[in-house]
Amino acid sequence: MPVLFDEHRETVQPEWIDYNGHMNVAYYFLAFDHATDAFYDAIGCGEHYKAGGNFSTFTLEGHITYDREVLEGDPLRFTTQLLDFDEKRLHYFHVMYHAEEGYEAATNELIAMHVDMDRRRSAPFPPDILQRLAEVKERHGKLAHPDKAGRIIGIRRKSSA
């Protein structure tokens, strides 16, 4: 895997547009989920992984920032950075760009849990995936930590002093 995972591309579909004329918030989740699928395929725990051993991943928490709107037909490009992992969890960060104009449209930070689908409980990743994750983390750990990762939602108030 290159230093930053940069494989997923998508186009804003007509049915994703809301009454404001731009992509509806629900479809940001869908587009980021497609980027997650591509990343999981690359690290070996995607759809084929589940079919082969009945293990999968469940998202535990996710945060999206909406930085600039995208419109019907806009081409999208996604990058993914693995921020951290342990024996059962992944912490990663996607950035959605307008693929032609290059601006950052949105970000998505996620934590996921590896799950034994027979028991529907958390389970350790197998050694081969842990090894892949370690290799990716080593490369991604050399990148700057995304400014928008770890943000807390709230209304910022100016002090009255």
N, C-alpha and C. Protein backbone atom coordinates (compact mmCIF):
# COMPACT_ATOMS: atom_id res chain seq x y z
N MET A 1 0.85 -1.18 0.00
CA MET A 1 0.00 0.00 0.00
C MET A 1 0.89 1.23 0.00
N PRO A 2 0.56 2.22 -0.84
CA PRO A 2 1.35 3.45 -0.85
C PRO A 2 1.29 4.13 0.52
N VAL A 3 2.06 5.18 0.67
CA VAL A 3 2.12 5.87 1.95
C VAL A 3 0.71 6.25 2.42
N LEU A 4 -0.12 6.79 1.55
CA LEU A 4 -1.50 7.13 1.87
C LEU A 4 -2.39 6.35 0.93
N PHE A 5 -3.39 5.64 1.44
CA PHE A 5 -4.28 4.87 0.58
C PHE A 5 -5.11 5.85 -0.25
N ASP A 6 -5.03 5.72 -1.57
CA ASP A 6 -5.63 6.70 -2.49
C ASP A 6 -6.20 5.96 -3.70
N GLU A 7 -7.14 5.04 -3.46
CA GLU A 7 -7.65 4.20 -4.54
C GLU A 7 -9.12 4.45 -4.88
N HIS A 8 -9.91 4.90 -3.95
CA HIS A 8 -11.35 4.97 -4.20
C HIS A 8 -11.75 6.26 -4.93
N ARG A 9 -12.59 6.07 -5.97
CA ARG A 9 -13.15 7.17 -6.74
C ARG A 9 -14.65 6.94 -6.86
N GLU A 10 -15.40 8.01 -6.94
CA GLU A 10 -16.85 7.91 -7.03
C GLU A 10 -17.38 9.20 -7.65
N THR A 11 -18.60 9.16 -8.16
CA THR A 11 -19.25 10.34 -8.74
C THR A 11 -20.54 10.60 -7.99
N VAL A 12 -20.83 11.87 -7.71
CA VAL A 12 -22.06 12.25 -7.02
C VAL A 12 -23.25 11.93 -7.93
N GLN A 13 -24.11 11.05 -7.45
CA GLN A 13 -25.26 10.57 -8.22
C GLN A 13 -26.45 11.52 -8.11
N PRO A 14 -27.32 11.57 -9.13
CA PRO A 14 -28.49 12.47 -9.08
C PRO A 14 -29.37 12.24 -7.86
N GLU A 15 -29.54 10.98 -7.46
CA GLU A 15 -30.41 10.68 -6.32
C GLU A 15 -29.79 11.09 -4.98
N TRP A 16 -28.55 11.50 -4.99
CA TRP A 16 -27.88 11.95 -3.77
C TRP A 16 -28.10 13.44 -3.49
N ILE A 17 -28.75 14.13 -4.39
CA ILE A 17 -28.91 15.59 -4.29
C ILE A 17 -30.16 15.92 -3.49
N ASP A 18 -30.04 16.88 -2.58
CA ASP A 18 -31.19 17.29 -1.76
C ASP A 18 -31.82 18.57 -2.30
N TYR A 19 -32.78 19.11 -1.57
CA TYR A 19 -33.50 20.31 -2.03
C TYR A 19 -32.64 21.56 -2.03
N ASN A 20 -31.44 21.50 -1.46
CA ASN A 20 -30.51 22.63 -1.53
C ASN A 20 -29.64 22.58 -2.79
N GLY A 21 -29.77 21.49 -3.57
CA GLY A 21 -29.03 21.37 -4.82
C GLY A 21 -27.62 20.82 -4.67
N HIS A 22 -27.31 20.30 -3.49
CA HIS A 22 -25.99 19.68 -3.29
C HIS A 22 -26.17 18.30 -2.65
N MET A 23 -25.06 17.58 -2.46
CA MET A 23 -25.14 16.23 -1.92
C MET A 23 -25.69 16.26 -0.50
N ASN A 24 -26.71 15.43 -0.26
CA ASN A 24 -27.36 15.30 1.03
C ASN A 24 -26.40 14.64 2.02
N VAL A 25 -26.52 15.03 3.29
CA VAL A 25 -25.61 14.52 4.32
C VAL A 25 -25.60 12.99 4.41
N ALA A 26 -26.74 12.35 4.20
CA ALA A 26 -26.80 10.89 4.29
C ALA A 26 -25.88 10.23 3.27
N TYR A 27 -25.71 10.84 2.12
CA TYR A 27 -24.90 10.23 1.07
C TYR A 27 -23.41 10.44 1.28
N TYR A 28 -23.03 11.38 2.12
CA TYR A 28 -21.63 11.46 2.53
C TYR A 28 -21.28 10.18 3.29
N PHE A 29 -22.17 9.76 4.19
CA PHE A 29 -21.94 8.50 4.91
C PHE A 29 -21.79 7.34 3.93
N LEU A 30 -22.66 7.29 2.93
CA LEU A 30 -22.60 6.21 1.94
C LEU A 30 -21.28 6.25 1.17
N ALA A 31 -20.91 7.42 0.68
CA ALA A 31 -19.67 7.54 -0.09
C ALA A 31 -18.46 7.18 0.77
N PHE A 32 -18.44 7.63 2.02
CA PHE A 32 -17.34 7.26 2.91
C PHE A 32 -17.36 5.76 3.22
N ASP A 33 -18.54 5.17 3.30
CA ASP A 33 -18.63 3.74 3.52
C ASP A 33 -18.03 2.98 2.33
N HIS A 34 -18.24 3.47 1.12
CA HIS A 34 -17.61 2.85 -0.05
C HIS A 34 -16.09 2.97 0.03
N ALA A 35 -15.60 4.12 0.52
CA ALA A 35 -14.15 4.29 0.70
C ALA A 35 -13.62 3.33 1.75
N THR A 36 -14.40 3.11 2.81
CA THR A 36 -14.02 2.13 3.83
C THR A 36 -13.93 0.74 3.22
N ASP A 37 -14.91 0.38 2.39
CA ASP A 37 -14.88 -0.94 1.74
C ASP A 37 -13.60 -1.12 0.93
N ALA A 38 -13.21 -0.10 0.19
CA ALA A 38 -11.99 -0.18 -0.62
C ALA A 38 -10.76 -0.34 0.27
N PHE A 39 -10.70 0.40 1.37
CA PHE A 39 -9.59 0.30 2.31
C PHE A 39 -9.55 -1.10 2.94
N TYR A 40 -10.70 -1.60 3.37
CA TYR A 40 -10.75 -2.93 3.96
C TYR A 40 -10.30 -4.00 2.98
N ASP A 41 -10.72 -3.88 1.73
CA ASP A 41 -10.25 -4.83 0.71
C ASP A 41 -8.72 -4.81 0.62
N ALA A 42 -8.15 -3.62 0.68
CA ALA A 42 -6.70 -3.47 0.55
C ALA A 42 -5.94 -4.08 1.74
N ILE A 43 -6.52 -4.02 2.93
CA ILE A 43 -5.83 -4.57 4.10
C ILE A 43 -6.25 -6.02 4.39
N GLY A 44 -7.18 -6.54 3.59
CA GLY A 44 -7.52 -7.96 3.69
C GLY A 44 -8.70 -8.31 4.57
N CYS A 45 -9.49 -7.33 4.99
CA CYS A 45 -10.64 -7.67 5.84
C CYS A 45 -11.95 -7.15 5.26
N GLY A 46 -12.07 -7.19 3.94
CA GLY A 46 -13.28 -6.75 3.26
C GLY A 46 -14.30 -7.85 3.09
N GLU A 47 -15.13 -7.71 2.07
CA GLU A 47 -16.24 -8.63 1.85
C GLU A 47 -15.78 -10.08 1.66
N HIS A 48 -14.69 -10.30 0.93
CA HIS A 48 -14.20 -11.67 0.71
C HIS A 48 -13.69 -12.29 2.01
N TYR A 49 -13.16 -11.46 2.89
CA TYR A 49 -12.69 -11.93 4.19
C TYR A 49 -13.85 -12.50 5.00
N LYS A 50 -14.98 -11.78 5.01
CA LYS A 50 -16.14 -12.25 5.76
C LYS A 50 -16.64 -13.58 5.20
N ALA A 51 -16.71 -13.67 3.89
CA ALA A 51 -17.19 -14.91 3.27
C ALA A 51 -16.27 -16.08 3.57
N GLY A 52 -14.98 -15.84 3.75
CA GLY A 52 -14.02 -16.90 3.95
C GLY A 52 -13.91 -17.42 5.37
N GLY A 53 -14.40 -16.68 6.36
CA GLY A 53 -14.22 -17.14 7.74
C GLY A 53 -15.26 -16.63 8.71
N ASN A 54 -16.25 -15.92 8.22
CA ASN A 54 -17.34 -15.38 9.01
C ASN A 54 -16.87 -14.42 10.11
N PHE A 55 -15.89 -13.59 9.74
CA PHE A 55 -15.46 -12.47 10.57
C PHE A 55 -15.71 -11.20 9.77
N SER A 56 -15.92 -10.10 10.47
CA SER A 56 -16.16 -8.84 9.79
C SER A 56 -15.74 -7.70 10.72
N THR A 57 -16.13 -6.49 10.35
CA THR A 57 -15.90 -5.32 11.20
C THR A 57 -17.21 -4.57 11.35
N PHE A 58 -17.41 -3.99 12.51
CA PHE A 58 -18.56 -3.12 12.78
C PHE A 58 -18.02 -1.75 13.16
N THR A 59 -18.64 -0.70 12.64
CA THR A 59 -18.26 0.65 13.02
C THR A 59 -18.80 0.95 14.41
N LEU A 60 -17.93 1.47 15.27
CA LEU A 60 -18.32 1.84 16.63
C LEU A 60 -18.67 3.32 16.74
N GLU A 61 -17.94 4.14 16.00
CA GLU A 61 -18.17 5.59 16.07
C GLU A 61 -17.64 6.23 14.80
N GLY A 62 -18.32 7.27 14.36
CA GLY A 62 -17.89 8.00 13.18
C GLY A 62 -18.22 9.47 13.28
N HIS A 63 -17.33 10.30 12.72
CA HIS A 63 -17.52 11.75 12.70
C HIS A 63 -17.27 12.24 11.28
N ILE A 64 -18.12 13.12 10.81
CA ILE A 64 -17.96 13.72 9.48
C ILE A 64 -17.88 15.23 9.62
N THR A 65 -16.97 15.84 8.88
CA THR A 65 -16.98 17.29 8.71
C THR A 65 -17.39 17.56 7.27
N TYR A 66 -18.18 18.61 7.10
CA TYR A 66 -18.63 19.03 5.77
C TYR A 66 -17.95 20.36 5.50
N ASP A 67 -16.96 20.34 4.62
CA ASP A 67 -16.12 21.51 4.43
C ASP A 67 -16.49 22.35 3.22
N ARG A 68 -16.93 21.69 2.17
CA ARG A 68 -17.31 22.41 0.96
C ARG A 68 -18.26 21.52 0.18
N GLU A 69 -19.30 22.10 -0.39
CA GLU A 69 -20.31 21.29 -1.04
C GLU A 69 -19.82 20.65 -2.32
N VAL A 70 -20.47 19.52 -2.65
CA VAL A 70 -20.27 18.87 -3.93
C VAL A 70 -21.64 18.74 -4.58
N LEU A 71 -21.64 18.75 -5.91
CA LEU A 71 -22.87 18.82 -6.68
C LEU A 71 -23.03 17.58 -7.56
N GLU A 72 -24.22 17.42 -8.10
CA GLU A 72 -24.51 16.29 -8.99
C GLU A 72 -23.46 16.19 -10.09
N GLY A 73 -22.95 14.98 -10.27
CA GLY A 73 -21.97 14.71 -11.32
C GLY A 73 -20.54 15.01 -10.94
N ASP A 74 -20.31 15.61 -9.77
CA ASP A 74 -18.93 15.92 -9.36
C ASP A 74 -18.16 14.62 -9.13
N PRO A 75 -16.93 14.56 -9.64
CA PRO A 75 -16.08 13.40 -9.37
C PRO A 75 -15.44 13.54 -7.99
N LEU A 76 -15.39 12.43 -7.26
CA LEU A 76 -14.83 12.44 -5.92
C LEU A 76 -13.63 11.51 -5.84
N ARG A 77 -12.68 11.92 -5.02
CA ARG A 77 -11.47 11.13 -4.75
C ARG A 77 -11.33 11.03 -3.23
N PHE A 78 -10.97 9.84 -2.75
CA PHE A 78 -10.88 9.61 -1.31
C PHE A 78 -9.49 9.12 -0.94
N THR A 79 -8.95 9.65 0.15
CA THR A 79 -7.72 9.11 0.73
C THR A 79 -8.06 8.56 2.11
N THR A 80 -7.26 7.60 2.55
CA THR A 80 -7.47 6.99 3.86
C THR A 80 -6.13 6.86 4.57
N GLN A 81 -6.14 7.24 5.84
CA GLN A 81 -4.95 7.12 6.68
C GLN A 81 -5.31 6.29 7.91
N LEU A 82 -4.55 5.24 8.15
CA LEU A 82 -4.71 4.45 9.37
C LEU A 82 -4.03 5.22 10.50
N LEU A 83 -4.81 5.63 11.49
CA LEU A 83 -4.26 6.40 12.60
C LEU A 83 -3.75 5.50 13.72
N ASP A 84 -4.47 4.39 13.95
CA ASP A 84 -4.07 3.49 15.03
C ASP A 84 -4.84 2.18 14.89
N PHE A 85 -4.38 1.18 15.60
CA PHE A 85 -5.08 -0.10 15.67
C PHE A 85 -4.59 -0.84 16.90
N ASP A 86 -5.39 -1.79 17.33
CA ASP A 86 -4.94 -2.75 18.34
C ASP A 86 -5.45 -4.12 17.90
N GLU A 87 -5.44 -5.09 18.78
CA GLU A 87 -5.77 -6.45 18.34
C GLU A 87 -7.21 -6.60 17.85
N LYS A 88 -8.10 -5.67 18.23
CA LYS A 88 -9.51 -5.78 17.84
C LYS A 88 -10.08 -4.54 17.16
N ARG A 89 -9.37 -3.42 17.15
CA ARG A 89 -9.96 -2.17 16.67
C ARG A 89 -9.08 -1.47 15.64
N LEU A 90 -9.75 -0.68 14.81
CA LEU A 90 -9.09 0.18 13.81
C LEU A 90 -9.56 1.61 14.03
N HIS A 91 -8.65 2.55 13.87
CA HIS A 91 -8.97 3.98 13.91
C HIS A 91 -8.39 4.57 12.64
N TYR A 92 -9.25 5.09 11.77
CA TYR A 92 -8.79 5.58 10.47
C TYR A 92 -9.53 6.84 10.07
N PHE A 93 -8.97 7.51 9.07
CA PHE A 93 -9.43 8.85 8.69
C PHE A 93 -9.48 8.96 7.17
N HIS A 94 -10.67 9.30 6.65
CA HIS A 94 -10.84 9.52 5.21
C HIS A 94 -10.90 11.02 4.92
N VAL A 95 -10.42 11.40 3.75
CA VAL A 95 -10.64 12.74 3.22
C VAL A 95 -11.28 12.59 1.85
N MET A 96 -12.37 13.32 1.63
CA MET A 96 -13.05 13.37 0.35
C MET A 96 -12.64 14.66 -0.35
N TYR A 97 -12.15 14.51 -1.59
CA TYR A 97 -11.75 15.65 -2.41
C TYR A 97 -12.62 15.73 -3.65
N HIS A 98 -12.80 16.93 -4.16
CA HIS A 98 -13.34 17.07 -5.51
C HIS A 98 -12.20 16.62 -6.42
N ALA A 99 -12.43 15.58 -7.21
CA ALA A 99 -11.34 14.94 -7.96
C ALA A 99 -10.76 15.81 -9.06
N GLU A 100 -11.51 16.77 -9.58
CA GLU A 100 -10.97 17.64 -10.63
C GLU A 100 -10.44 18.95 -10.08
N GLU A 101 -11.19 19.56 -9.17
CA GLU A 101 -10.79 20.87 -8.64
C GLU A 101 -9.83 20.76 -7.47
N GLY A 102 -9.77 19.59 -6.84
CA GLY A 102 -8.77 19.33 -5.80
C GLY A 102 -9.10 19.80 -4.40
N TYR A 103 -10.24 20.47 -4.21
CA TYR A 103 -10.52 20.97 -2.86
C TYR A 103 -11.02 19.85 -1.95
N GLU A 104 -10.78 20.03 -0.65
CA GLU A 104 -11.25 19.11 0.36
C GLU A 104 -12.73 19.38 0.60
N ALA A 105 -13.57 18.38 0.35
CA ALA A 105 -15.01 18.55 0.51
C ALA A 105 -15.50 18.09 1.88
N ALA A 106 -14.90 17.03 2.43
CA ALA A 106 -15.38 16.48 3.70
C ALA A 106 -14.32 15.54 4.27
N THR A 107 -14.46 15.25 5.56
CA THR A 107 -13.61 14.26 6.21
C THR A 107 -14.48 13.31 7.01
N ASN A 108 -13.95 12.13 7.28
CA ASN A 108 -14.66 11.11 8.05
C ASN A 108 -13.65 10.36 8.90
N GLU A 109 -13.85 10.40 10.21
CA GLU A 109 -13.01 9.68 11.15
C GLU A 109 -13.83 8.54 11.76
N LEU A 110 -13.26 7.35 11.81
CA LEU A 110 -14.00 6.17 12.25
C LEU A 110 -13.18 5.29 13.18
N ILE A 111 -13.91 4.62 14.06
CA ILE A 111 -13.35 3.53 14.87
C ILE A 111 -14.21 2.31 14.58
N ALA A 112 -13.56 1.20 14.27
CA ALA A 112 -14.27 -0.04 13.96
C ALA A 112 -13.74 -1.17 14.83
N MET A 113 -14.59 -2.17 15.03
CA MET A 113 -14.27 -3.34 15.84
C MET A 113 -14.31 -4.59 14.97
N HIS A 114 -13.31 -5.46 15.14
CA HIS A 114 -13.30 -6.76 14.46
C HIS A 114 -14.27 -7.68 15.21
N VAL A 115 -15.13 -8.39 14.45
CA VAL A 115 -16.23 -9.15 15.05
C VAL A 115 -16.26 -10.58 14.53
N ASP A 116 -16.44 -11.52 15.46
CA ASP A 116 -16.73 -12.91 15.12
C ASP A 116 -18.23 -12.96 14.84
N MET A 117 -18.61 -13.19 13.59
CA MET A 117 -20.01 -13.13 13.20
C MET A 117 -20.83 -14.30 13.74
N ASP A 118 -20.21 -15.41 14.09
CA ASP A 118 -20.94 -16.52 14.69
C ASP A 118 -21.40 -16.16 16.10
N ARG A 119 -20.53 -15.50 16.84
CA ARG A 119 -20.84 -15.10 18.22
C ARG A 119 -21.39 -13.68 18.31
N ARG A 120 -21.15 -12.90 17.23
CA ARG A 120 -21.53 -11.48 17.18
C ARG A 120 -20.92 -10.73 18.38
N ARG A 121 -19.64 -11.02 18.57
CA ARG A 121 -18.84 -10.41 19.62
C ARG A 121 -17.49 -10.00 19.05
N SER A 122 -16.84 -9.09 19.72
CA SER A 122 -15.51 -8.68 19.28
C SER A 122 -14.55 -9.86 19.34
N ALA A 123 -13.57 -9.82 18.46
CA ALA A 123 -12.58 -10.89 18.39
C ALA A 123 -11.28 -10.31 17.86
N PRO A 124 -10.15 -10.88 18.24
CA PRO A 124 -8.87 -10.39 17.71
C PRO A 124 -8.76 -10.63 16.20
N PHE A 125 -8.08 -9.71 15.53
CA PHE A 125 -7.75 -9.91 14.12
C PHE A 125 -6.79 -11.10 14.03
N PRO A 126 -6.81 -11.82 12.91
CA PRO A 126 -5.81 -12.89 12.74
C PRO A 126 -4.42 -12.29 12.54
N PRO A 127 -3.38 -13.08 12.78
CA PRO A 127 -2.01 -12.57 12.70
C PRO A 127 -1.65 -11.94 11.36
N ASP A 128 -2.13 -12.49 10.23
CA ASP A 128 -1.76 -11.92 8.93
C ASP A 128 -2.32 -10.51 8.75
N ILE A 129 -3.53 -10.25 9.23
CA ILE A 129 -4.09 -8.90 9.12
C ILE A 129 -3.41 -7.96 10.10
N LEU A 130 -3.10 -8.44 11.30
CA LEU A 130 -2.36 -7.60 12.25
C LEU A 130 -1.00 -7.19 11.66
N GLN A 131 -0.37 -8.11 10.96
CA GLN A 131 0.92 -7.80 10.32
C GLN A 131 0.74 -6.73 9.25
N ARG A 132 -0.31 -6.86 8.41
CA ARG A 132 -0.59 -5.85 7.38
C ARG A 132 -0.87 -4.50 8.01
N LEU A 133 -1.67 -4.52 9.08
CA LEU A 133 -1.99 -3.27 9.77
C LEU A 133 -0.72 -2.62 10.32
N ALA A 134 0.17 -3.42 10.88
CA ALA A 134 1.43 -2.88 11.41
C ALA A 134 2.25 -2.24 10.30
N GLU A 135 2.29 -2.87 9.13
CA GLU A 135 3.03 -2.31 7.99
C GLU A 135 2.41 -1.00 7.53
N VAL A 136 1.09 -0.97 7.43
CA VAL A 136 0.41 0.26 7.01
C VAL A 136 0.61 1.35 8.05
N LYS A 137 0.47 1.01 9.32
CA LYS A 137 0.63 2.00 10.40
C LYS A 137 2.04 2.57 10.41
N GLU A 138 3.02 1.74 10.12
CA GLU A 138 4.39 2.24 10.07
C GLU A 138 4.53 3.32 9.00
N ARG A 139 3.96 3.09 7.84
CA ARG A 139 4.02 4.09 6.77
C ARG A 139 3.14 5.30 7.08
N HIS A 140 1.91 5.04 7.51
CA HIS A 140 0.99 6.14 7.78
C HIS A 140 1.39 6.94 9.01
N GLY A 141 2.11 6.31 9.93
CA GLY A 141 2.57 7.01 11.11
C GLY A 141 3.60 8.09 10.81
N LYS A 142 4.18 8.05 9.62
CA LYS A 142 5.14 9.09 9.21
C LYS A 142 4.43 10.32 8.67
N LEU A 143 3.14 10.20 8.42
CA LEU A 143 2.35 11.33 7.92
C LEU A 143 1.93 12.22 9.08
N ALA A 144 1.62 13.46 8.78
CA ALA A 144 1.09 14.36 9.80
C ALA A 144 -0.26 13.85 10.27
N HIS A 145 -0.52 13.98 11.55
CA HIS A 145 -1.83 13.62 12.08
C HIS A 145 -2.85 14.62 11.53
N PRO A 146 -3.97 14.15 10.98
CA PRO A 146 -4.94 15.09 10.39
C PRO A 146 -5.46 16.09 11.43
N ASP A 147 -5.50 17.34 11.05
CA ASP A 147 -5.97 18.39 11.96
C ASP A 147 -7.38 18.13 12.47
N LYS A 148 -8.20 17.54 11.62
CA LYS A 148 -9.61 17.35 11.99
C LYS A 148 -9.86 16.05 12.74
N ALA A 149 -8.85 15.24 12.94
CA ALA A 149 -9.03 13.99 13.69
C ALA A 149 -9.12 14.30 15.18
N GLY A 150 -10.01 13.62 15.86
CA GLY A 150 -10.15 13.79 17.31
C GLY A 150 -10.92 15.03 17.72
N ARG A 151 -11.63 15.62 16.80
CA ARG A 151 -12.39 16.84 17.13
C ARG A 151 -13.55 16.52 18.05
N ILE A 152 -13.91 17.50 18.84
CA ILE A 152 -15.06 17.41 19.72
C ILE A 152 -16.12 18.35 19.18
N ILE A 153 -17.34 17.87 19.09
CA ILE A 153 -18.42 18.69 18.57
C ILE A 153 -18.95 19.60 19.67
N GLY A 154 -19.29 20.82 19.30
CA GLY A 154 -19.85 21.78 20.23
C GLY A 154 -19.85 23.16 19.63
N ILE A 155 -20.56 24.07 20.25
CA ILE A 155 -20.60 25.46 19.80
C ILE A 155 -19.51 26.22 20.54
N ARG A 156 -18.61 26.80 19.77
CA ARG A 156 -17.52 27.57 20.37
C ARG A 156 -18.06 28.95 20.75
N ARG A 157 -17.81 29.32 21.95
CA ARG A 157 -18.26 30.63 22.46
C ARG A 157 -17.05 31.51 22.69
N LYS A 158 -17.19 32.76 22.33
CA LYS A 158 -16.13 33.73 22.63
C LYS A 158 -16.28 34.12 24.09
N SER A 159 -15.15 34.27 24.74
CA SER A 159 -15.21 34.68 26.15
C SER A 159 -15.63 36.15 26.21
N SER A 160 -16.36 36.49 27.24
CA SER A 160 -16.87 37.87 27.38
C SER A 160 -15.90 38.74 28.14
N ALA A 161 -14.74 38.23 28.44
CA ALA A 161 -13.76 39.01 29.23
C ALA A 161 -13.10 40.07 28.40
